[in-house]
């Protein structure tokens, strides 16, 4: 005799529904737990990446702040301003140590910087490398005087670095993914050359040449 499935299902409907509900609930609970774990892992990784990005941009802001620290030279300039020069140019050793520190700290977090901050950091490095070359044959005791000549360059670079870094906190911090590494990390060559050409460092090359000539004459 054939088994009567209809009668069986009718007789055991409540048990079958209870079993089906239990199995379905178990499957849903498992899937929910799996999705929750996946989300927790994603948030954990994203949090660590965000911490690195924040730290990298905070370093840029710290370096920018250091560039704005000035030392008074005494007296007033021809324009009536208090004579000042960047503190990092007190001497050759001070400048070399700070230049090395700037390079190391900015390179540590380069991969985590926004594209805008990365390009600004690279431009600042181009400027400082050029300045370093100009200072090679100049006595340490002439650094502050030349620092007065290019003081506004440091102020401008500091402002640009700070603005680029703060741009990340204003909008980029909401992005869970860092900017693509495929984006070019420097300004186009023409843009870099144009900006360098407009700096006081390049428009006052004569002051550096004169300082070197004076040193050679001694």
N, C-alpha and C. Protein backbone atom coordinates (compact mmCIF):
# COMPACT_ATOMS: atom_id res chain seq x y z
N UNK A 1 0.84 -1.21 0.00
CA UNK A 1 0.00 0.00 0.00
C UNK A 1 0.87 1.25 0.00
N UNK A 2 0.52 2.18 -0.89
CA UNK A 2 1.31 3.42 -0.96
C UNK A 2 1.16 4.24 0.31
N UNK A 3 2.29 4.93 0.63
CA UNK A 3 2.28 5.77 1.84
C UNK A 3 1.47 7.03 1.57
N UNK A 4 0.60 7.34 2.46
CA UNK A 4 -0.30 8.50 2.32
C UNK A 4 0.37 9.74 2.92
N UNK A 5 1.07 10.49 2.03
CA UNK A 5 1.77 11.69 2.49
C UNK A 5 0.81 12.77 2.97
N UNK A 6 -0.34 12.83 2.34
CA UNK A 6 -1.31 13.85 2.75
C UNK A 6 -1.74 13.66 4.18
N UNK A 7 -2.05 12.40 4.51
CA UNK A 7 -2.49 12.11 5.87
C UNK A 7 -1.36 12.36 6.87
N UNK A 8 -0.16 11.98 6.47
CA UNK A 8 1.00 12.17 7.35
C UNK A 8 1.24 13.64 7.64
N UNK A 9 1.20 14.46 6.56
CA UNK A 9 1.45 15.88 6.73
C UNK A 9 0.37 16.53 7.57
N UNK A 10 -0.86 16.09 7.37
CA UNK A 10 -1.96 16.66 8.14
C UNK A 10 -1.82 16.30 9.62
N UNK A 11 -1.46 15.07 9.87
CA UNK A 11 -1.35 14.60 11.25
C UNK A 11 -0.18 15.21 12.00
N UNK A 12 0.86 15.54 11.25
CA UNK A 12 2.07 16.05 11.92
C UNK A 12 2.41 17.48 11.49
N UNK A 13 1.41 18.21 11.07
CA UNK A 13 1.64 19.56 10.54
C UNK A 13 2.34 20.46 11.55
N UNK A 14 1.84 20.43 12.79
CA UNK A 14 2.42 21.33 13.79
C UNK A 14 3.89 21.02 14.05
N UNK A 15 4.23 19.74 14.10
CA UNK A 15 5.62 19.34 14.35
C UNK A 15 6.50 19.72 13.17
N UNK A 16 5.96 19.53 11.96
CA UNK A 16 6.73 19.87 10.76
C UNK A 16 6.99 21.37 10.68
N UNK A 17 5.95 22.15 10.97
CA UNK A 17 6.12 23.61 10.94
C UNK A 17 7.12 24.08 12.00
N UNK A 18 7.06 23.43 13.17
CA UNK A 18 7.98 23.80 14.25
C UNK A 18 9.42 23.48 13.84
N UNK A 19 9.62 22.31 13.23
CA UNK A 19 10.95 21.90 12.80
C UNK A 19 11.46 22.81 11.69
N UNK A 20 10.58 23.11 10.72
CA UNK A 20 10.97 24.01 9.63
C UNK A 20 11.34 25.39 10.16
N UNK A 21 10.53 25.88 11.12
CA UNK A 21 10.82 27.19 11.71
C UNK A 21 12.15 27.20 12.43
N UNK A 22 12.44 26.11 13.14
CA UNK A 22 13.70 26.02 13.89
C UNK A 22 14.89 26.00 12.93
N UNK A 23 14.75 25.18 11.86
CA UNK A 23 15.83 25.11 10.88
C UNK A 23 16.04 26.46 10.18
N UNK A 24 14.90 27.08 9.81
CA UNK A 24 15.00 28.37 9.14
C UNK A 24 15.61 29.43 10.04
N UNK A 25 15.19 29.41 11.31
CA UNK A 25 15.75 30.38 12.26
C UNK A 25 17.24 30.17 12.46
N UNK A 26 17.64 28.87 12.52
CA UNK A 26 19.05 28.58 12.69
C UNK A 26 19.89 29.06 11.51
N UNK A 27 19.35 28.82 10.29
CA UNK A 27 20.06 29.25 9.08
C UNK A 27 20.19 30.78 9.05
N UNK A 28 19.08 31.46 9.38
CA UNK A 28 19.10 32.92 9.38
C UNK A 28 20.05 33.47 10.44
N UNK A 29 20.06 32.82 11.60
CA UNK A 29 20.97 33.25 12.67
C UNK A 29 22.43 33.08 12.24
N UNK A 30 22.71 31.95 11.58
CA UNK A 30 24.07 31.69 11.11
C UNK A 30 24.50 32.72 10.08
N UNK A 31 23.60 33.00 9.12
CA UNK A 31 23.91 33.98 8.08
C UNK A 31 24.09 35.37 8.71
N UNK A 32 23.20 35.71 9.66
CA UNK A 32 23.31 37.00 10.32
C UNK A 32 24.61 37.15 11.07
N UNK A 33 25.01 36.09 11.79
CA UNK A 33 26.28 36.12 12.54
C UNK A 33 27.46 36.25 11.59
N UNK A 34 27.39 35.55 10.46
CA UNK A 34 28.46 35.59 9.46
C UNK A 34 28.61 37.00 8.89
N UNK A 35 27.46 37.61 8.56
CA UNK A 35 27.48 38.97 8.02
C UNK A 35 27.98 39.97 9.05
N UNK A 36 27.60 39.76 10.32
CA UNK A 36 28.05 40.65 11.39
C UNK A 36 29.56 40.55 11.58
N UNK A 37 30.09 39.33 11.55
CA UNK A 37 31.54 39.14 11.67
C UNK A 37 32.28 39.80 10.52
N UNK A 38 31.71 39.65 9.32
CA UNK A 38 32.33 40.24 8.14
C UNK A 38 32.34 41.76 8.26
N UNK A 39 31.24 42.32 8.76
CA UNK A 39 31.16 43.77 8.94
C UNK A 39 32.15 44.25 10.00
N UNK A 40 32.24 43.49 11.10
CA UNK A 40 33.18 43.86 12.16
C UNK A 40 34.62 43.83 11.66
N UNK A 41 34.94 42.83 10.84
CA UNK A 41 36.29 42.74 10.27
C UNK A 41 36.56 43.92 9.36
N UNK A 42 35.57 44.24 8.52
CA UNK A 42 35.71 45.36 7.59
C UNK A 42 35.91 46.68 8.34
N UNK A 43 35.13 46.88 9.40
CA UNK A 43 35.25 48.10 10.19
C UNK A 43 36.59 48.17 10.91
N UNK A 44 37.06 47.01 11.38
CA UNK A 44 38.34 46.96 12.08
C UNK A 44 39.49 47.34 11.15
N UNK A 45 39.49 46.75 9.95
CA UNK A 45 40.54 47.06 8.97
C UNK A 45 40.45 48.51 8.53
N UNK A 46 39.21 48.98 8.26
CA UNK A 46 39.02 50.36 7.83
C UNK A 46 39.48 51.33 8.91
N UNK A 47 39.23 50.97 10.17
CA UNK A 47 39.64 51.83 11.28
C UNK A 47 41.15 51.95 11.36
N UNK A 48 41.85 50.82 11.16
CA UNK A 48 43.32 50.85 11.20
C UNK A 48 43.88 51.67 10.03
N UNK A 49 43.29 51.52 8.86
CA UNK A 49 43.74 52.29 7.71
C UNK A 49 43.48 53.78 7.93
N UNK A 50 42.33 54.11 8.51
CA UNK A 50 41.99 55.50 8.77
C UNK A 50 42.96 56.10 9.79
N UNK A 51 43.33 55.32 10.81
CA UNK A 51 44.29 55.79 11.81
C UNK A 51 45.62 56.17 11.14
N UNK A 52 46.05 55.35 10.19
CA UNK A 52 47.31 55.63 9.50
C UNK A 52 47.20 56.89 8.63
N UNK A 53 46.05 57.05 8.00
CA UNK A 53 45.85 58.22 7.15
C UNK A 53 45.82 59.49 8.00
N UNK A 54 45.14 59.42 9.13
CA UNK A 54 45.06 60.57 10.02
C UNK A 54 46.46 60.93 10.53
N UNK A 55 47.23 59.92 10.96
CA UNK A 55 48.57 60.16 11.47
C UNK A 55 49.47 60.81 10.41
N UNK A 56 49.36 60.34 9.17
CA UNK A 56 50.18 60.89 8.08
C UNK A 56 49.86 62.37 7.85
N UNK A 57 48.59 62.72 7.86
CA UNK A 57 48.21 64.11 7.63
C UNK A 57 48.53 64.99 8.84
N UNK A 58 48.49 64.41 10.03
CA UNK A 58 48.87 65.17 11.22
C UNK A 58 50.36 65.49 11.19
N UNK A 59 51.16 64.56 10.66
CA UNK A 59 52.61 64.84 10.54
C UNK A 59 52.86 65.99 9.59
N UNK A 60 52.11 66.04 8.50
CA UNK A 60 52.27 67.14 7.54
C UNK A 60 51.93 68.47 8.21
N UNK A 61 50.86 68.49 9.00
CA UNK A 61 50.46 69.71 9.70
C UNK A 61 51.54 70.13 10.70
N UNK A 62 52.13 69.15 11.40
CA UNK A 62 53.19 69.44 12.36
C UNK A 62 54.40 70.05 11.66
N UNK A 63 54.77 69.48 10.51
CA UNK A 63 55.91 70.01 9.75
C UNK A 63 55.61 71.42 9.23
N UNK A 64 54.38 71.63 8.80
CA UNK A 64 53.99 72.95 8.32
C UNK A 64 54.08 73.98 9.43
N UNK A 65 53.68 73.59 10.62
CA UNK A 65 53.75 74.49 11.76
C UNK A 65 55.20 74.86 12.07
N UNK A 66 56.10 73.89 11.99
CA UNK A 66 57.51 74.15 12.26
C UNK A 66 58.09 75.17 11.27
N UNK A 67 57.61 75.14 10.05
CA UNK A 67 58.12 76.05 9.03
C UNK A 67 57.75 77.50 9.32
N UNK A 68 56.70 77.70 10.11
CA UNK A 68 56.25 79.06 10.42
C UNK A 68 56.93 79.67 11.64
N UNK A 69 57.70 78.86 12.37
CA UNK A 69 58.37 79.38 13.57
C UNK A 69 59.53 80.28 13.14
N UNK A 70 59.49 81.51 13.60
CA UNK A 70 60.51 82.50 13.21
C UNK A 70 61.36 82.93 14.41
N UNK A 71 62.55 83.41 14.11
CA UNK A 71 63.43 83.97 15.12
C UNK A 71 63.65 85.44 14.79
N UNK A 72 63.57 86.30 15.81
CA UNK A 72 63.73 87.74 15.59
C UNK A 72 65.21 88.07 15.39
N UNK A 73 65.48 88.95 14.42
CA UNK A 73 66.85 89.34 14.11
C UNK A 73 67.20 90.69 14.71
N UNK A 74 66.18 91.36 15.22
CA UNK A 74 66.42 92.69 15.80
C UNK A 74 66.23 93.79 14.78
N UNK A 75 65.55 94.85 15.18
CA UNK A 75 65.34 95.97 14.28
C UNK A 75 64.18 95.74 13.33
N UNK A 76 64.06 96.64 12.38
CA UNK A 76 62.95 96.61 11.42
C UNK A 76 63.49 96.62 9.99
N UNK A 77 62.72 96.03 9.10
CA UNK A 77 63.09 96.01 7.68
C UNK A 77 62.73 97.34 7.05
N UNK A 78 63.09 97.49 5.79
CA UNK A 78 62.80 98.73 5.07
C UNK A 78 61.30 98.97 4.93
N UNK A 79 60.53 97.89 5.02
CA UNK A 79 59.07 98.01 4.92
C UNK A 79 58.41 98.24 6.27
N UNK A 80 59.22 98.33 7.32
CA UNK A 80 58.69 98.61 8.65
C UNK A 80 58.32 97.37 9.45
N UNK A 81 58.60 96.18 8.92
CA UNK A 81 58.29 94.95 9.64
C UNK A 81 59.45 94.54 10.53
N UNK A 82 59.13 93.82 11.61
CA UNK A 82 60.18 93.28 12.47
C UNK A 82 61.00 92.27 11.67
N UNK A 83 62.31 92.39 11.73
CA UNK A 83 63.16 91.49 10.95
C UNK A 83 63.11 90.09 11.56
N UNK A 84 62.79 89.13 10.71
CA UNK A 84 62.67 87.73 11.17
C UNK A 84 63.21 86.78 10.12
N UNK A 85 63.51 85.57 10.57
CA UNK A 85 63.97 84.51 9.66
C UNK A 85 63.48 83.18 10.22
N UNK A 86 63.31 82.17 9.36
CA UNK A 86 62.87 80.86 9.84
C UNK A 86 63.84 80.29 10.88
N UNK A 87 63.31 79.78 11.95
CA UNK A 87 64.14 79.25 13.02
C UNK A 87 65.02 78.10 12.54
N UNK A 88 64.54 77.35 11.55
CA UNK A 88 65.31 76.20 11.06
C UNK A 88 66.57 76.64 10.34
N UNK A 89 66.73 77.95 10.09
CA UNK A 89 67.92 78.43 9.40
C UNK A 89 68.88 79.16 10.33
N UNK A 90 68.84 78.82 11.60
CA UNK A 90 69.77 79.42 12.56
C UNK A 90 71.21 79.07 12.21
N UNK A 91 71.41 77.87 11.73
CA UNK A 91 72.76 77.43 11.36
C UNK A 91 72.67 76.31 10.34
N UNK A 92 73.82 75.93 9.79
CA UNK A 92 73.84 74.83 8.82
C UNK A 92 73.38 73.53 9.48
N UNK A 93 73.91 73.24 10.68
CA UNK A 93 73.54 71.99 11.35
C UNK A 93 72.04 71.94 11.63
N UNK A 94 71.49 73.07 12.07
CA UNK A 94 70.05 73.11 12.37
C UNK A 94 69.24 72.86 11.11
N UNK A 95 69.62 73.52 10.02
CA UNK A 95 68.89 73.34 8.78
C UNK A 95 69.02 71.92 8.25
N UNK A 96 70.24 71.38 8.26
CA UNK A 96 70.45 70.02 7.74
C UNK A 96 69.66 69.00 8.56
N UNK A 97 69.68 69.15 9.88
CA UNK A 97 68.94 68.22 10.74
C UNK A 97 67.44 68.30 10.46
N UNK A 98 66.94 69.53 10.32
CA UNK A 98 65.50 69.69 10.09
C UNK A 98 65.12 69.19 8.69
N UNK A 99 65.95 69.46 7.70
CA UNK A 99 65.68 69.01 6.34
C UNK A 99 65.61 67.48 6.29
N UNK A 100 66.53 66.82 7.00
CA UNK A 100 66.52 65.35 7.08
C UNK A 100 65.25 64.87 7.77
N UNK A 101 64.88 65.54 8.84
CA UNK A 101 63.68 65.17 9.58
C UNK A 101 62.42 65.37 8.72
N UNK A 102 62.37 66.48 8.02
CA UNK A 102 61.23 66.74 7.13
C UNK A 102 61.08 65.63 6.10
N UNK A 103 62.19 65.25 5.51
CA UNK A 103 62.18 64.21 4.48
C UNK A 103 61.73 62.87 5.05
N UNK A 104 62.28 62.50 6.21
CA UNK A 104 61.95 61.21 6.82
C UNK A 104 60.48 61.14 7.24
N UNK A 105 60.01 62.17 7.91
CA UNK A 105 58.64 62.15 8.42
C UNK A 105 57.62 62.19 7.28
N UNK A 106 57.91 62.97 6.25
CA UNK A 106 56.96 63.05 5.14
C UNK A 106 56.95 61.76 4.33
N UNK A 107 58.10 61.10 4.21
CA UNK A 107 58.15 59.86 3.45
C UNK A 107 57.49 58.70 4.19
N UNK A 108 57.52 58.74 5.53
CA UNK A 108 56.94 57.66 6.32
C UNK A 108 55.47 57.42 5.99
N UNK A 109 54.74 58.50 5.75
CA UNK A 109 53.32 58.34 5.52
C UNK A 109 52.86 58.72 4.13
N UNK A 110 53.78 58.78 3.19
CA UNK A 110 53.43 59.22 1.84
C UNK A 110 52.29 58.43 1.23
N UNK A 111 52.32 57.11 1.40
CA UNK A 111 51.30 56.26 0.79
C UNK A 111 49.91 56.52 1.34
N UNK A 112 49.84 57.09 2.55
CA UNK A 112 48.55 57.29 3.20
C UNK A 112 48.01 58.70 3.01
N UNK A 113 48.77 59.56 2.38
CA UNK A 113 48.33 60.94 2.18
C UNK A 113 47.33 61.03 1.03
N UNK A 114 46.48 62.03 1.10
CA UNK A 114 45.62 62.33 -0.04
C UNK A 114 46.50 62.78 -1.19
N UNK A 115 46.00 62.68 -2.40
CA UNK A 115 46.79 63.09 -3.56
C UNK A 115 47.19 64.55 -3.46
N UNK A 116 46.28 65.41 -3.02
CA UNK A 116 46.58 66.84 -2.90
C UNK A 116 47.71 67.09 -1.90
N UNK A 117 47.66 66.42 -0.75
CA UNK A 117 48.71 66.59 0.27
C UNK A 117 50.03 66.02 -0.22
N UNK A 118 49.96 64.89 -0.90
CA UNK A 118 51.17 64.25 -1.42
C UNK A 118 51.89 65.17 -2.41
N UNK A 119 51.13 65.79 -3.29
CA UNK A 119 51.74 66.68 -4.28
C UNK A 119 52.35 67.91 -3.63
N UNK A 120 51.68 68.42 -2.60
CA UNK A 120 52.20 69.60 -1.92
C UNK A 120 53.47 69.27 -1.14
N UNK A 121 53.51 68.10 -0.53
CA UNK A 121 54.71 67.66 0.18
C UNK A 121 55.87 67.52 -0.79
N UNK A 122 55.62 66.95 -1.95
CA UNK A 122 56.68 66.77 -2.94
C UNK A 122 57.18 68.12 -3.47
N UNK A 123 56.28 69.08 -3.61
CA UNK A 123 56.72 70.40 -4.05
C UNK A 123 57.59 71.04 -2.97
N UNK A 124 57.20 70.91 -1.71
CA UNK A 124 57.99 71.45 -0.62
C UNK A 124 59.38 70.81 -0.60
N UNK A 125 59.44 69.52 -0.87
CA UNK A 125 60.74 68.84 -0.93
C UNK A 125 61.59 69.37 -2.07
N UNK A 126 60.98 69.62 -3.23
CA UNK A 126 61.71 70.18 -4.36
C UNK A 126 62.30 71.55 -3.98
N UNK A 127 61.51 72.34 -3.29
CA UNK A 127 61.97 73.67 -2.87
C UNK A 127 63.15 73.53 -1.89
N UNK A 128 63.00 72.65 -0.90
CA UNK A 128 64.04 72.51 0.12
C UNK A 128 65.32 71.91 -0.45
N UNK A 129 65.20 71.01 -1.42
CA UNK A 129 66.39 70.47 -2.09
C UNK A 129 67.12 71.57 -2.83
N UNK A 130 66.36 72.43 -3.52
CA UNK A 130 66.97 73.56 -4.23
C UNK A 130 67.66 74.49 -3.25
N UNK A 131 67.00 74.79 -2.13
CA UNK A 131 67.60 75.65 -1.10
C UNK A 131 68.86 75.02 -0.54
N UNK A 132 68.82 73.72 -0.31
CA UNK A 132 69.99 73.01 0.22
C UNK A 132 71.18 73.14 -0.74
N UNK A 133 70.93 73.04 -2.03
CA UNK A 133 71.99 73.17 -3.02
C UNK A 133 72.57 74.59 -3.01
N UNK A 134 71.70 75.59 -2.88
CA UNK A 134 72.14 76.98 -2.86
C UNK A 134 73.01 77.27 -1.64
N UNK A 135 72.78 76.55 -0.54
CA UNK A 135 73.47 76.84 0.71
C UNK A 135 74.78 76.06 0.88
N UNK A 136 75.07 75.16 -0.05
CA UNK A 136 76.22 74.27 0.11
C UNK A 136 77.53 75.01 0.35
N UNK A 137 77.78 76.08 -0.40
CA UNK A 137 79.06 76.78 -0.32
C UNK A 137 78.97 78.08 0.49
N UNK A 138 77.93 78.21 1.28
CA UNK A 138 77.73 79.44 2.05
C UNK A 138 77.99 79.17 3.52
N UNK A 139 78.74 80.04 4.20
CA UNK A 139 79.05 79.84 5.63
C UNK A 139 77.78 79.81 6.48
N UNK A 140 77.86 79.05 7.55
CA UNK A 140 76.71 78.88 8.44
C UNK A 140 76.22 80.21 9.02
N UNK A 141 77.16 81.14 9.28
CA UNK A 141 76.76 82.39 9.92
C UNK A 141 76.00 83.33 8.98
N UNK A 142 75.87 82.94 7.72
CA UNK A 142 75.10 83.76 6.78
C UNK A 142 73.68 83.23 6.57
N UNK A 143 73.39 82.10 7.19
CA UNK A 143 72.09 81.45 6.96
C UNK A 143 70.91 82.31 7.40
N UNK A 144 71.01 82.91 8.58
CA UNK A 144 69.88 83.69 9.08
C UNK A 144 69.58 84.89 8.18
N UNK A 145 70.65 85.55 7.70
CA UNK A 145 70.44 86.69 6.81
C UNK A 145 69.73 86.28 5.54
N UNK A 146 70.12 85.14 4.99
CA UNK A 146 69.45 84.64 3.78
C UNK A 146 68.04 84.13 4.12
N UNK A 147 67.90 83.62 5.32
CA UNK A 147 66.59 83.18 5.76
C UNK A 147 65.60 84.33 5.81
N UNK A 148 66.10 85.51 6.16
CA UNK A 148 65.23 86.69 6.16
C UNK A 148 64.74 87.00 4.75
N UNK A 149 65.62 86.81 3.77
CA UNK A 149 65.27 87.09 2.38
C UNK A 149 64.14 86.18 1.90
N UNK A 150 64.18 84.91 2.30
CA UNK A 150 63.20 83.93 1.80
C UNK A 150 62.13 83.58 2.85
N UNK A 151 62.02 84.38 3.88
CA UNK A 151 61.07 84.09 4.97
C UNK A 151 59.66 83.83 4.45
N UNK A 152 59.21 84.65 3.52
CA UNK A 152 57.84 84.51 3.04
C UNK A 152 57.61 83.21 2.28
N UNK A 153 58.67 82.65 1.70
CA UNK A 153 58.55 81.34 1.05
C UNK A 153 58.14 80.28 2.06
N UNK A 154 58.77 80.32 3.24
CA UNK A 154 58.45 79.35 4.28
C UNK A 154 57.01 79.53 4.76
N UNK A 155 56.59 80.77 4.88
CA UNK A 155 55.22 81.04 5.29
C UNK A 155 54.24 80.50 4.26
N UNK A 156 54.53 80.73 2.98
CA UNK A 156 53.66 80.27 1.91
C UNK A 156 53.61 78.76 1.81
N UNK A 157 54.76 78.11 1.92
CA UNK A 157 54.81 76.65 1.86
C UNK A 157 54.06 76.05 3.05
N UNK A 158 54.26 76.64 4.21
CA UNK A 158 53.56 76.17 5.40
C UNK A 158 52.05 76.24 5.22
N UNK A 159 51.59 77.36 4.69
CA UNK A 159 50.15 77.54 4.47
C UNK A 159 49.60 76.52 3.47
N UNK A 160 50.34 76.29 2.38
CA UNK A 160 49.89 75.35 1.35
C UNK A 160 49.85 73.92 1.88
N UNK A 161 50.87 73.53 2.65
CA UNK A 161 50.90 72.19 3.23
C UNK A 161 49.74 72.00 4.20
N UNK A 162 49.53 73.00 5.04
CA UNK A 162 48.46 72.92 6.03
C UNK A 162 47.09 72.85 5.36
N UNK A 163 46.90 73.64 4.34
CA UNK A 163 45.62 73.66 3.62
C UNK A 163 45.35 72.30 2.97
N UNK A 164 46.38 71.71 2.34
CA UNK A 164 46.20 70.41 1.69
C UNK A 164 45.89 69.32 2.71
N UNK A 165 46.57 69.36 3.86
CA UNK A 165 46.33 68.35 4.89
C UNK A 165 44.95 68.50 5.51
N UNK A 166 44.54 69.74 5.77
CA UNK A 166 43.22 69.97 6.35
C UNK A 166 42.11 69.61 5.37
N UNK A 167 42.41 69.67 4.06
CA UNK A 167 41.44 69.27 3.06
C UNK A 167 41.03 67.82 3.26
N UNK A 168 41.98 66.99 3.71
CA UNK A 168 41.67 65.59 3.99
C UNK A 168 40.68 65.48 5.14
N UNK A 169 40.88 66.24 6.21
CA UNK A 169 40.00 66.16 7.37
C UNK A 169 38.61 66.72 7.06
N UNK A 170 38.54 67.61 6.09
CA UNK A 170 37.25 68.21 5.75
C UNK A 170 36.40 67.30 4.87
N UNK A 171 37.04 66.47 4.05
CA UNK A 171 36.26 65.62 3.14
C UNK A 171 36.83 64.21 2.99
N UNK A 172 38.13 64.10 2.81
CA UNK A 172 38.72 62.79 2.55
C UNK A 172 38.62 61.81 3.70
N UNK A 173 38.49 62.32 4.93
CA UNK A 173 38.44 61.43 6.09
C UNK A 173 37.21 60.54 6.06
N UNK A 174 36.19 60.93 5.30
CA UNK A 174 34.97 60.13 5.19
C UNK A 174 35.14 58.94 4.24
N UNK A 175 36.19 58.98 3.43
CA UNK A 175 36.43 57.89 2.50
C UNK A 175 37.16 56.76 3.21
N UNK A 176 36.64 55.54 3.09
CA UNK A 176 37.27 54.41 3.75
C UNK A 176 38.51 53.94 3.00
N UNK A 177 38.58 54.26 1.71
CA UNK A 177 39.73 53.83 0.92
C UNK A 177 40.68 55.01 0.68
N UNK A 178 42.01 54.77 0.74
CA UNK A 178 42.96 55.83 0.43
C UNK A 178 42.92 56.17 -1.05
N UNK A 179 43.45 57.34 -1.40
CA UNK A 179 43.50 57.73 -2.80
C UNK A 179 44.33 56.73 -3.60
N UNK A 180 43.98 56.55 -4.84
CA UNK A 180 44.68 55.58 -5.68
C UNK A 180 46.16 55.94 -5.83
N UNK A 181 47.01 54.93 -5.71
CA UNK A 181 48.45 55.14 -5.88
C UNK A 181 48.81 55.35 -7.35
N UNK A 182 47.85 55.10 -8.24
CA UNK A 182 48.11 55.29 -9.66
C UNK A 182 48.10 56.76 -10.05
N UNK A 183 47.49 57.59 -9.20
CA UNK A 183 47.51 59.04 -9.47
C UNK A 183 48.92 59.57 -9.28
N UNK A 184 49.36 60.42 -10.20
CA UNK A 184 50.72 60.94 -10.15
C UNK A 184 50.91 61.75 -8.88
N UNK A 185 52.01 61.48 -8.16
CA UNK A 185 52.21 62.04 -6.83
C UNK A 185 52.85 63.43 -6.84
N UNK A 186 53.14 63.95 -8.03
CA UNK A 186 53.74 65.29 -8.10
C UNK A 186 52.94 66.16 -9.05
N UNK A 187 53.11 67.48 -8.91
CA UNK A 187 52.51 68.37 -9.89
C UNK A 187 53.20 68.15 -11.23
N UNK A 188 52.53 68.54 -12.30
CA UNK A 188 53.18 68.45 -13.60
C UNK A 188 54.43 69.33 -13.60
N UNK A 189 55.40 68.93 -14.41
CA UNK A 189 56.70 69.62 -14.37
C UNK A 189 56.56 71.12 -14.61
N UNK A 190 55.72 71.50 -15.55
CA UNK A 190 55.56 72.92 -15.84
C UNK A 190 55.00 73.67 -14.64
N UNK A 191 54.07 73.04 -13.93
CA UNK A 191 53.49 73.66 -12.74
C UNK A 191 54.54 73.81 -11.64
N UNK A 192 55.35 72.76 -11.45
CA UNK A 192 56.41 72.82 -10.44
C UNK A 192 57.42 73.92 -10.78
N UNK A 193 57.83 73.97 -12.05
CA UNK A 193 58.81 74.99 -12.47
C UNK A 193 58.23 76.39 -12.33
N UNK A 194 56.95 76.54 -12.65
CA UNK A 194 56.32 77.85 -12.54
C UNK A 194 56.29 78.31 -11.08
N UNK A 195 55.91 77.41 -10.18
CA UNK A 195 55.83 77.77 -8.78
C UNK A 195 57.21 78.05 -8.18
N UNK A 196 58.19 77.24 -8.56
CA UNK A 196 59.54 77.46 -8.06
C UNK A 196 60.09 78.80 -8.55
N UNK A 197 59.81 79.11 -9.82
CA UNK A 197 60.31 80.36 -10.41
C UNK A 197 59.74 81.59 -9.72
N UNK A 198 58.56 81.45 -9.12
CA UNK A 198 57.92 82.58 -8.46
C UNK A 198 58.33 82.74 -7.00
N UNK A 199 59.14 81.81 -6.48
CA UNK A 199 59.56 81.90 -5.08
C UNK A 199 60.64 82.97 -4.90
N UNK A 200 60.75 83.46 -3.67
CA UNK A 200 61.79 84.43 -3.35
C UNK A 200 63.18 83.80 -3.45
N UNK A 201 63.25 82.50 -3.28
CA UNK A 201 64.52 81.80 -3.40
C UNK A 201 65.12 81.98 -4.78
N UNK A 202 64.30 81.80 -5.82
CA UNK A 202 64.81 81.92 -7.18
C UNK A 202 64.86 83.36 -7.67
N UNK A 203 63.94 84.20 -7.19
CA UNK A 203 63.98 85.60 -7.64
C UNK A 203 65.05 86.40 -6.91
N UNK A 204 65.65 85.80 -5.88
CA UNK A 204 66.74 86.46 -5.14
C UNK A 204 68.01 85.61 -5.16
N UNK A 205 68.25 84.95 -6.27
CA UNK A 205 69.46 84.14 -6.38
C UNK A 205 70.71 84.98 -6.17
N UNK A 206 70.62 86.25 -6.55
CA UNK A 206 71.77 87.13 -6.41
C UNK A 206 72.27 87.23 -4.98
N UNK A 207 71.36 87.18 -4.00
CA UNK A 207 71.76 87.27 -2.60
C UNK A 207 72.60 86.05 -2.21
N UNK A 208 72.25 84.89 -2.75
CA UNK A 208 72.99 83.67 -2.44
C UNK A 208 74.35 83.67 -3.16
N UNK A 209 74.35 84.15 -4.38
CA UNK A 209 75.61 84.24 -5.14
C UNK A 209 76.55 85.20 -4.45
N UNK A 210 76.02 86.34 -3.98
CA UNK A 210 76.84 87.32 -3.30
C UNK A 210 77.40 86.78 -2.00
N UNK A 211 76.58 86.04 -1.27
CA UNK A 211 77.04 85.45 -0.01
C UNK A 211 78.17 84.45 -0.25
N UNK A 212 78.05 83.69 -1.33
CA UNK A 212 79.10 82.74 -1.66
C UNK A 212 80.37 83.47 -2.11
N UNK A 213 80.23 84.55 -2.88
CA UNK A 213 81.39 85.33 -3.32
C UNK A 213 82.11 85.95 -2.14
N UNK A 214 81.33 86.46 -1.19
CA UNK A 214 81.93 87.05 0.00
C UNK A 214 82.72 86.02 0.79
N UNK A 215 82.15 84.80 0.86
CA UNK A 215 82.84 83.72 1.60
C UNK A 215 84.14 83.33 0.90
N UNK A 216 84.11 83.31 -0.43
CA UNK A 216 85.31 82.93 -1.18
C UNK A 216 86.39 84.00 -1.10
N UNK A 217 85.97 85.24 -0.88
CA UNK A 217 86.93 86.35 -0.83
C UNK A 217 87.68 86.41 0.49
N UNK A 218 87.13 85.74 1.52
CA UNK A 218 87.78 85.77 2.83
C UNK A 218 89.01 84.89 2.89
